Structure formats: C-alpha cells, structure tokens
Amino acid sequence: MKNLGIVGLILVLLVSGCASVPSVNDTCTTAIMNKIGQCIEDAEVVKLPTHLELLELPPAENMPVVAVYGFLDKTGQRKSKDGIASFSTAVTQGGESFLIDALKTAGKGKWFRVVERTSLDALVRERQIVRSAREDFANQEGNEDSPKGIQPLLFAGILLDGGIVGYDTNIESGGRGARYLGIGASNQYRRDVVTVSLRGISTLTGEILLNVQVTKTILSTGGGYDVFRFVDMDTKLVEIEDGVAMNEGVTKATRSAIELAVLELIYQGDERGYWKINWPITESKIKEEVSDFLDENQIVLVTEGETNEE
C-alpha cells in the first residue's frame, strides 16, 4: 500500500507537469513544427508599453529634422559563461535601429523628420548614379530640356547622439525555499540594470541642448519543486524534480529604455521651448485660457441679472 501511494503521487506530479506544457494546438495555430517536435511560433510585431505611449503622443506643431549617426554599445561587456570564453556582446549592437524606430513611432510618425545618416555612403553613391543617369538622358537628342540635377539632401537641425552606457548584472539576487518530509519547493530571482544615454546637439552651434539618461531593470525569476522518497524497504530512492525560469530579454529591455529616453527627450524639449507638443484642446483648458486672458487684461464679466439689479 505504501508503494502504491508513492506511485500514485508520482503519476499525479507527472500529469500536472504535462498539463503545464502547452499543447501544439494552443501555441502553433498553423501547426508549424521543427524536426525535434518543438513548436515554432509565428513572427509577430512586439509592442511594448513605451511603444504604445509613443504612438499615443500628440503630434508636434512643427516637426524638427533630426539625424542619427549611431547609438553604440559603450559598455564593452561580453556575455558571461562559466568557464567558457565568449566573444558575444552582452547587449544589442543595433541601438540606432531602435532609436530610429522610436523617433518614427512618436506621434504616429508626426513628430520627427529623420534623415538617413547611418548608410550615408550608400546613399551618396546612389545619388551619383541617379545624377549620372539624368545627365546621360539629357544629353541624348531631343532631351535637352530634361532636368540634369537632383534635389539636395535635407540637413538636420538637431543631431541625436548617445549610446548604451551601462549594463550591470546581478545587482540583486535572492530566493527562498522550504522542505518537509522529502517534499520541497523553492524560487530565486535576479535583477540586472541597463542604462542608456541620449542627447540632442545643435548642428549650427554644437551646443548640447538636451540630455537624458534612462535606467531599465531586467528581472529574472525561477522556481521549482522536488520530491524524493525511499521505497522497497528503504533500499531504492525515487526522486522527481521540476522547475521553470523566466528571463526578461536584454534586447527588449534596451529597446524599452531607448523608447523611454525619446519620450523624456520630447517632454524635456517641450518644457525648454525647443519644440511644442500640440496637446488636444479640452473644455477645461479653454476655460483656463479665457480666465487667464480676463485676469491679464483686467476684464470683469457681468451677467444679465447683475446688470438689471444695478
């Protein structure tokens, strides 16, 4: 009877563990499976909370022209592996792509006019090809009136520069657990931090107009349980372990920090008067502006009832 009880407990644990594994029908709607039977999820556009906040931002009254030459990883850190030399960087090297995406997302594309600078050499070569083709076409007989030139490149009034300046791992870690009569459970957590810096520079004077630093926390958690029991006159040992770990992606956290930096840059520029957020006009705002106008001009409104009484 004792062995039957232990076997029953093992079956319950196995069934509960299998129930926690998502089925193919739950996650693979298109029934895409690889050779080892693992589910391959469809590609999707990830919209973080900061991304949605950028989308809902009111448009600018006048869209500033900005340029991004790069947004580099300045941490110099590599991925840590126990006893193994790794040449992979700890954070993403595509920061400028995330920055350009955040700038074009702000206000549903009605905030910044972003000019191409990361692939400027390729752009210049392509413009030379266009110019040469137009000249060849214009030199042909009967095409003397055709345009030979090409529209000049748009210059930026503000240069956006910065990078990923910090990536601190294992800032805080801990866990807890309990065990009783061979049955135990535990969980652990770890906190990492990524820091990005973004600044706006005037291309006419070289003055740093705006400067923003944003820190994003990366949280990793894990938990599990284990059961062990001696059976068959305490000569055989049965042990079961199960667990799961969830790690927030460093790339996703870096993207969120960059988007938050763009938001802070917009708000900071609005406060300092470099641009203006076109906030929607509400009834309370209209009343406030009318009241301020009346107070500034010392105008007193008199209602019809008050006039008759006088």
Protein backbone atom coordinates (compact mmCIF):
# COMPACT_ATOMS: atom_id res chain seq x y z
CA MET A 1 0.00 0.00 0.00
CA LYS A 2 2.85 2.36 0.77
CA ASN A 3 4.42 1.78 -2.64
CA LEU A 4 1.06 2.25 -4.34
CA GLY A 5 0.66 5.62 -2.62
CA ILE A 6 4.07 6.75 -3.78
CA VAL A 7 3.39 5.57 -7.33
CA GLY A 8 0.09 7.46 -7.27
CA LEU A 9 1.87 10.62 -6.11
CA ILE A 10 4.37 10.25 -8.96
CA LEU A 11 1.57 9.88 -11.50
CA VAL A 12 -0.18 12.98 -10.16
CA LEU A 13 3.03 15.01 -10.43
CA LEU A 14 3.70 13.78 -13.94
CA VAL A 15 0.15 14.57 -15.06
CA SER A 16 0.29 18.05 -13.51
CA GLY A 17 3.67 18.66 -15.16
CA CYS A 18 2.35 17.58 -18.54
CA ALA A 19 -0.68 19.80 -18.09
CA SER A 20 1.58 22.81 -17.65
CA VAL A 21 3.26 22.18 -21.02
CA PRO A 22 1.35 23.99 -23.78
CA SER A 23 -0.02 21.78 -26.49
CA VAL A 24 0.58 22.19 -30.19
CA ASN A 25 -2.97 23.40 -30.77
CA ASP A 26 -2.59 26.09 -28.09
CA THR A 27 0.56 27.75 -29.42
CA CYS A 28 1.01 26.53 -33.01
CA THR A 29 -2.12 27.71 -34.78
CA THR A 30 -0.51 26.98 -38.13
CA ALA A 31 0.89 23.62 -36.99
CA ILE A 32 4.49 24.61 -37.60
CA MET A 33 6.83 22.10 -36.02
CA ASN A 34 10.56 21.56 -36.37
CA LYS A 35 12.34 18.22 -36.66
CA ILE A 36 12.55 17.58 -32.92
CA GLY A 37 8.87 18.31 -32.36
CA GLN A 38 9.15 21.75 -30.78
CA CYS A 39 6.64 24.43 -31.61
CA ILE A 40 7.81 27.34 -33.77
CA GLU A 41 5.62 30.36 -33.10
CA ASP A 42 4.65 32.76 -35.85
CA ALA A 43 6.52 36.05 -36.12
CA GLU A 44 4.76 38.99 -34.51
CA VAL A 45 5.28 42.70 -34.01
CA VAL A 46 6.16 43.31 -30.36
CA LYS A 47 4.62 46.50 -28.95
CA LEU A 48 5.96 47.39 -25.53
CA PRO A 49 4.12 49.79 -23.17
CA THR A 50 6.62 52.53 -24.03
CA HIS A 51 5.98 51.90 -27.73
CA LEU A 52 2.24 52.36 -27.24
CA GLU A 53 2.85 55.55 -25.25
CA LEU A 54 4.92 56.92 -28.13
CA LEU A 55 2.11 56.10 -30.56
CA GLU A 56 -0.47 57.96 -28.46
CA LEU A 57 1.72 61.05 -28.10
CA PRO A 58 0.12 64.18 -29.64
CA PRO A 59 1.89 65.41 -32.79
CA ALA A 60 4.35 68.29 -32.84
CA GLU A 61 3.32 71.73 -34.06
CA ASN A 62 6.48 71.88 -36.21
CA MET A 63 8.31 68.62 -36.92
CA PRO A 64 12.05 69.07 -36.19
CA VAL A 65 14.57 67.49 -38.57
CA VAL A 66 16.96 65.18 -36.71
CA ALA A 67 19.87 62.94 -37.70
CA VAL A 68 21.18 59.76 -36.05
CA TYR A 69 24.73 58.69 -36.90
CA GLY A 70 24.89 55.88 -34.39
CA PHE A 71 23.84 54.61 -30.99
CA LEU A 72 26.72 52.42 -29.86
CA ASP A 73 27.27 49.91 -27.10
CA LYS A 74 29.71 51.69 -24.77
CA THR A 75 29.66 49.08 -22.01
CA GLY A 76 32.36 46.84 -23.54
CA GLN A 77 30.86 43.84 -21.75
CA ARG A 78 30.66 40.28 -23.02
CA LYS A 79 28.19 37.54 -22.24
CA SER A 80 29.23 35.69 -19.11
CA LYS A 81 29.56 31.91 -19.35
CA ASP A 82 31.01 29.72 -16.65
CA GLY A 83 34.47 28.62 -17.71
CA ILE A 84 33.91 29.46 -21.39
CA ALA A 85 35.39 32.43 -23.25
CA SER A 86 32.65 34.29 -25.08
CA PHE A 87 33.06 36.92 -27.78
CA SER A 88 29.35 37.78 -27.94
CA THR A 89 28.43 41.16 -26.55
CA ALA A 90 26.16 41.38 -23.53
CA VAL A 91 23.80 43.93 -25.11
CA THR A 92 22.49 44.56 -28.60
CA GLN A 93 24.61 46.32 -31.23
CA GLY A 94 21.56 47.66 -33.08
CA GLY A 95 20.76 50.59 -30.83
CA GLU A 96 20.48 53.07 -33.73
CA SER A 97 17.75 50.92 -35.33
CA PHE A 98 15.71 51.02 -32.12
CA LEU A 99 16.29 54.77 -31.82
CA ILE A 100 15.19 55.50 -35.39
CA ASP A 101 12.12 53.29 -34.92
CA ALA A 102 11.20 55.17 -31.72
CA LEU A 103 11.62 58.54 -33.47
CA LYS A 104 9.39 57.48 -36.37
CA THR A 105 6.84 55.94 -33.99
CA ALA A 106 6.38 59.08 -31.88
CA GLY A 107 3.02 60.67 -32.56
CA LYS A 108 2.32 58.04 -35.26
CA GLY A 109 5.10 59.44 -37.40
CA LYS A 110 4.15 63.10 -36.91
CA TRP A 111 6.90 64.14 -34.53
CA PHE A 112 10.36 63.90 -36.11
CA ARG A 113 11.67 64.10 -39.65
CA VAL A 114 14.58 61.66 -39.53
CA VAL A 115 17.26 61.91 -42.23
CA GLU A 116 19.44 58.96 -43.22
CA ARG A 117 22.98 59.10 -41.89
CA THR A 118 23.93 55.55 -40.86
CA SER A 119 24.15 54.46 -44.52
CA LEU A 120 25.24 57.82 -45.88
CA ASP A 121 27.98 56.37 -48.15
CA ALA A 122 25.49 54.12 -49.93
CA LEU A 123 23.02 56.99 -50.22
CA VAL A 124 25.64 59.30 -51.77
CA ARG A 125 26.69 56.63 -54.29
CA GLU A 126 23.08 56.02 -55.29
CA ARG A 127 22.53 59.75 -55.77
CA GLN A 128 25.60 59.86 -58.01
CA ILE A 129 24.10 57.09 -60.12
CA VAL A 130 20.81 59.00 -60.40
CA ARG A 131 22.63 62.21 -61.34
CA SER A 132 24.73 60.43 -63.96
CA ALA A 133 21.68 58.73 -65.46
CA ARG A 134 19.84 62.03 -65.72
CA GLU A 135 22.80 63.70 -67.41
CA ASP A 136 23.12 60.87 -69.92
CA PHE A 137 19.41 61.05 -70.67
CA ALA A 138 19.51 64.85 -71.01
CA ASN A 139 22.46 64.68 -73.45
CA GLN A 140 20.52 62.48 -75.81
CA GLU A 141 18.97 64.09 -78.87
CA GLY A 142 15.69 65.79 -78.13
CA ASN A 143 16.08 65.69 -74.34
CA GLU A 144 17.95 68.94 -73.74
CA ASP A 145 15.16 70.31 -71.52
CA SER A 146 15.25 67.33 -69.14
CA PRO A 147 16.40 68.08 -65.57
CA LYS A 148 20.06 67.21 -65.01
CA GLY A 149 20.36 67.89 -61.31
CA ILE A 150 18.92 66.22 -58.24
CA GLN A 151 17.24 67.66 -55.18
CA PRO A 152 19.78 68.41 -52.39
CA LEU A 153 19.83 66.37 -49.23
CA LEU A 154 17.85 67.64 -46.28
CA PHE A 155 20.10 68.81 -43.45
CA ALA A 156 19.27 68.23 -39.79
CA GLY A 157 18.93 70.98 -37.24
CA ILE A 158 19.47 68.60 -34.32
CA LEU A 159 21.93 65.71 -34.07
CA LEU A 160 20.88 62.89 -31.74
CA ASP A 161 23.78 61.04 -30.17
CA GLY A 162 24.30 58.69 -27.25
CA GLY A 163 24.52 55.00 -26.57
CA ILE A 164 24.17 52.16 -24.11
CA VAL A 165 26.40 53.36 -21.29
CA GLY A 166 25.83 50.73 -18.61
CA TYR A 167 24.88 47.11 -18.12
CA ASP A 168 25.16 45.93 -14.51
CA THR A 169 24.45 42.27 -13.84
CA ASN A 170 23.38 40.60 -10.62
CA ILE A 171 22.61 43.87 -8.86
CA GLU A 172 20.32 41.99 -6.51
CA SER A 173 19.64 38.29 -6.15
CA GLY A 174 17.91 36.06 -3.65
CA GLY A 175 15.42 33.30 -3.11
CA ARG A 176 13.54 31.20 -0.62
CA GLY A 177 12.53 27.61 -0.20
CA ALA A 178 11.01 25.04 2.13
CA ARG A 179 11.14 21.27 2.56
CA TYR A 180 9.10 18.83 4.62
CA LEU A 181 9.20 15.03 4.63
CA GLY A 182 11.04 14.84 1.33
CA ILE A 183 8.84 17.39 -0.49
CA GLY A 184 10.27 20.83 -1.19
CA ALA A 185 9.83 23.94 -3.29
CA SER A 186 11.98 26.99 -3.93
CA ASN A 187 12.24 30.11 -6.06
CA GLN A 188 15.02 32.53 -6.97
CA TYR A 189 15.28 35.94 -8.58
CA ARG A 190 17.96 38.20 -10.03
CA ARG A 191 17.92 41.84 -11.05
CA ASP A 192 20.07 43.41 -13.77
CA VAL A 193 20.13 47.04 -14.92
CA VAL A 194 20.73 48.59 -18.36
CA THR A 195 21.34 52.34 -18.76
CA VAL A 196 21.09 54.38 -21.96
CA SER A 197 22.04 58.00 -22.62
CA LEU A 198 20.58 60.27 -25.31
CA ARG A 199 21.41 63.90 -26.07
CA GLY A 200 20.33 66.46 -28.64
CA ILE A 201 23.04 68.66 -30.19
CA SER A 202 22.54 71.81 -32.24
CA THR A 203 24.21 71.38 -35.65
CA LEU A 204 24.66 75.17 -36.00
CA THR A 205 26.42 75.90 -32.72
CA GLY A 206 27.43 72.46 -31.41
CA GLU A 207 25.69 73.19 -28.12
CA ILE A 208 24.16 70.28 -26.21
CA LEU A 209 20.52 71.30 -25.95
CA LEU A 210 19.04 68.23 -24.25
CA ASN A 211 20.45 65.33 -22.28
CA VAL A 212 18.57 62.30 -20.97
CA GLN A 213 19.65 59.17 -19.09
CA VAL A 214 17.26 56.27 -18.54
CA THR A 215 17.71 53.12 -16.45
CA LYS A 216 15.70 49.93 -17.08
CA THR A 217 15.54 46.96 -14.72
CA ILE A 218 15.84 43.43 -16.12
CA LEU A 219 14.21 40.86 -13.84
CA SER A 220 14.90 37.12 -13.96
CA THR A 221 12.93 34.65 -11.87
CA GLY A 222 12.97 30.90 -11.43
CA GLY A 223 11.20 28.33 -9.33
CA GLY A 224 10.69 24.63 -8.93
CA TYR A 225 9.84 21.73 -6.67
CA ASP A 226 11.36 18.35 -5.92
CA VAL A 227 10.17 15.17 -4.25
CA PHE A 228 12.28 12.24 -3.09
CA ARG A 229 11.28 9.12 -1.20
CA PHE A 230 12.87 5.81 -0.25
CA VAL A 231 10.84 2.77 -1.35
CA ASP A 232 11.12 -1.00 -1.25
CA MET A 233 12.24 -1.34 2.36
CA ASP A 234 14.26 1.90 2.11
CA THR A 235 16.64 0.39 -0.46
CA LYS A 236 15.51 2.33 -3.55
CA LEU A 237 15.20 6.06 -3.99
CA VAL A 238 12.59 7.82 -6.15
CA GLU A 239 13.28 11.49 -6.91
CA ILE A 240 11.31 13.95 -9.05
CA GLU A 241 12.34 17.49 -9.95
CA ASP A 242 10.60 20.16 -11.97
CA GLY A 243 11.19 23.86 -12.48
CA VAL A 244 10.96 26.82 -14.80
CA ALA A 245 12.90 30.05 -15.27
CA MET A 246 11.75 33.27 -16.92
CA ASN A 247 14.25 35.88 -18.08
CA GLU A 248 13.35 39.28 -19.46
CA GLY A 249 15.20 39.77 -22.72
CA VAL A 250 18.11 42.22 -22.60
CA THR A 251 17.31 43.40 -26.13
CA LYS A 252 13.68 44.06 -25.24
CA ALA A 253 14.73 45.95 -22.10
CA THR A 254 17.22 48.03 -24.11
CA ARG A 255 14.55 48.87 -26.67
CA SER A 256 12.15 49.92 -23.91
CA ALA A 257 14.84 52.14 -22.34
CA ILE A 258 15.56 53.83 -25.69
CA GLU A 259 11.85 54.49 -26.29
CA LEU A 260 11.54 55.92 -22.79
CA ALA A 261 14.57 58.15 -23.47
CA VAL A 262 12.88 59.51 -26.61
CA LEU A 263 9.73 60.24 -24.60
CA GLU A 264 11.73 62.07 -21.94
CA LEU A 265 13.62 63.99 -24.65
CA ILE A 266 10.32 65.16 -26.17
CA TYR A 267 8.92 66.29 -22.82
CA GLN A 268 12.19 68.00 -21.89
CA GLY A 269 12.35 69.84 -25.21
CA ASP A 270 8.75 70.98 -24.79
CA GLU A 271 9.50 72.38 -21.33
CA ARG A 272 12.57 74.28 -22.59
CA GLY A 273 10.83 75.66 -25.65
CA TYR A 274 12.77 73.88 -28.40
CA TRP A 275 9.51 72.48 -29.80
CA LYS A 276 5.86 72.39 -28.87
CA ILE A 277 3.56 69.45 -28.19
CA ASN A 278 0.21 70.01 -29.86
CA TRP A 279 -1.94 68.90 -26.93
CA PRO A 280 -5.66 68.47 -27.75
CA ILE A 281 -7.81 71.40 -26.63
CA THR A 282 -10.28 70.43 -23.92
CA GLU A 283 -13.14 72.39 -22.37
CA SER A 284 -11.25 72.85 -19.10
CA LYS A 285 -8.21 74.15 -20.99
CA ILE A 286 -10.36 76.66 -22.89
CA LYS A 287 -11.90 77.94 -19.64
CA GLU A 288 -8.44 78.23 -18.09
CA GLU A 289 -7.09 80.22 -21.05
CA VAL A 290 -10.14 82.53 -21.07
CA SER A 291 -9.79 83.11 -17.33
CA ASP A 292 -6.08 83.92 -17.70
CA PHE A 293 -6.85 86.35 -20.55
CA LEU A 294 -9.51 88.13 -18.49
CA ASP A 295 -7.21 88.42 -15.48
CA GLU A 296 -4.30 89.76 -17.55
CA ASN A 297 -6.47 92.42 -19.19
CA GLN A 298 -8.46 93.17 -16.01
CA ILE A 299 -11.79 92.41 -17.67
CA VAL A 300 -14.79 91.65 -15.49
CA LEU A 301 -17.74 89.78 -16.99
CA VAL A 302 -21.17 90.99 -15.85
CA THR A 303 -24.18 88.73 -16.30
CA GLU A 304 -27.61 89.99 -17.40
CA GLY A 305 -29.16 89.56 -13.96
CA GLU A 306 -26.46 91.63 -12.30
CA THR A 307 -26.99 94.44 -14.89
CA ASN A 308 -30.75 94.64 -14.20
CA GLU A 309 -30.20 94.85 -10.47
CA GLU A 310 -27.90 97.81 -10.92
